[in-house]
Amino acid sequence: MGYHPATQRQAYIFYSPKLGIQTWYEHEGQCTECEARDNCIDTINQLAQEWQINLNAGSTPSEKALFLLTKIKEELGWKN
């Protein structure tokens, strides 16, 4: 976990056995307009499955990602 000064956002780097190395940045996404939306949703769902974390089906991809990152950080003992 770190900070990316160019984007002024928290950055997270972790490894997924199925997806490889992942780099994520905390942000509020514009999910409906994003070209990477489908890939993002697939990645979020895959990571949630790997970590055995249940996501709220009614949430936006951004909300799901934030929830997922929060749960992963808790499990790893990472603190902001």
Protein backbone atom coordinates (compact mmCIF):
# COMPACT_ATOMS: atom_id res chain seq x y z
CA MET A 1 0.00 0.00 0.00
CA GLY A 2 1.32 3.45 -0.82
CA TYR A 3 0.55 6.85 -2.24
CA HIS A 4 0.78 7.89 -5.89
CA PRO A 5 1.68 11.59 -5.89
CA ALA A 6 0.85 12.20 -9.55
CA THR A 7 -2.75 11.10 -9.06
CA GLN A 8 -2.89 12.10 -5.38
CA ARG A 9 -4.47 8.76 -4.54
CA GLN A 10 -3.81 5.73 -2.37
CA ALA A 11 -2.28 2.93 -4.43
CA TYR A 12 -2.42 -0.80 -3.74
CA ILE A 13 -0.34 -3.54 -5.30
CA PHE A 14 -1.23 -7.14 -4.62
CA TYR A 15 -1.08 -10.52 -6.29
CA SER A 16 -3.93 -12.71 -7.52
CA PRO A 17 -3.18 -16.32 -8.51
CA LYS A 18 -5.57 -16.07 -11.49
CA LEU A 19 -5.12 -12.41 -12.47
CA GLY A 20 -1.47 -11.82 -11.61
CA ILE A 21 -0.15 -8.58 -10.17
CA GLN A 22 -2.83 -5.97 -9.61
CA THR A 23 -2.30 -2.24 -9.12
CA TRP A 24 -5.35 -0.34 -7.93
CA TYR A 25 -5.90 3.33 -7.11
CA GLU A 26 -8.67 4.60 -4.84
CA HIS A 27 -11.05 6.78 -6.83
CA GLU A 28 -14.69 7.42 -7.59
CA GLY A 29 -15.11 5.99 -11.07
CA GLN A 30 -17.40 7.17 -13.81
CA CYS A 31 -18.46 3.58 -14.37
CA THR A 32 -21.22 4.14 -16.92
CA GLU A 33 -18.82 6.03 -19.23
CA CYS A 34 -15.70 3.90 -18.71
CA GLU A 35 -14.29 1.83 -21.58
CA ALA A 36 -12.78 -0.63 -19.09
CA ARG A 37 -16.08 -1.19 -17.23
CA ASP A 38 -16.60 -4.84 -18.23
CA ASN A 39 -12.98 -5.77 -17.49
CA CYS A 40 -13.17 -3.94 -14.17
CA ILE A 41 -16.36 -5.75 -13.16
CA ASP A 42 -14.81 -9.11 -14.11
CA THR A 43 -11.68 -8.31 -12.08
CA ILE A 44 -13.67 -7.19 -9.04
CA ASN A 45 -15.82 -10.33 -9.16
CA GLN A 46 -12.81 -12.61 -9.60
CA LEU A 47 -10.98 -11.04 -6.66
CA ALA A 48 -14.10 -11.20 -4.50
CA GLN A 49 -14.39 -14.91 -5.30
CA GLU A 50 -10.69 -15.54 -4.54
CA TRP A 51 -10.94 -13.70 -1.20
CA GLN A 52 -14.37 -15.20 -0.46
CA ILE A 53 -15.91 -11.76 -0.01
CA ASN A 54 -19.60 -11.25 -0.78
CA LEU A 55 -20.40 -8.09 -2.72
CA ASN A 56 -23.69 -6.19 -2.80
CA ALA A 57 -25.20 -6.90 -6.22
CA GLY A 58 -26.90 -3.48 -6.29
CA SER A 59 -23.68 -1.50 -5.84
CA THR A 60 -21.77 0.27 -8.59
CA PRO A 61 -18.40 -1.16 -9.67
CA SER A 62 -16.69 1.70 -7.80
CA GLU A 63 -18.59 0.92 -4.60
CA LYS A 64 -17.83 -2.80 -4.96
CA ALA A 65 -14.13 -2.10 -5.53
CA LEU A 66 -13.90 0.17 -2.48
CA PHE A 67 -15.69 -2.41 -0.33
CA LEU A 68 -13.44 -5.17 -1.68
CA LEU A 69 -10.26 -3.17 -1.03
CA THR A 70 -11.44 -2.35 2.48
CA LYS A 71 -12.06 -6.02 3.26
CA ILE A 72 -8.74 -7.14 1.73
CA LYS A 73 -6.87 -4.46 3.72
CA GLU A 74 -8.58 -5.62 6.91
CA GLU A 75 -7.67 -9.24 6.20
CA LEU A 76 -4.03 -8.33 5.49
CA GLY A 77 -3.80 -6.02 8.50
CA TRP A 78 -3.05 -2.98 6.31
CA LYS A 79 -3.83 0.38 7.87
CA ASN A 80 -4.14 3.74 6.12
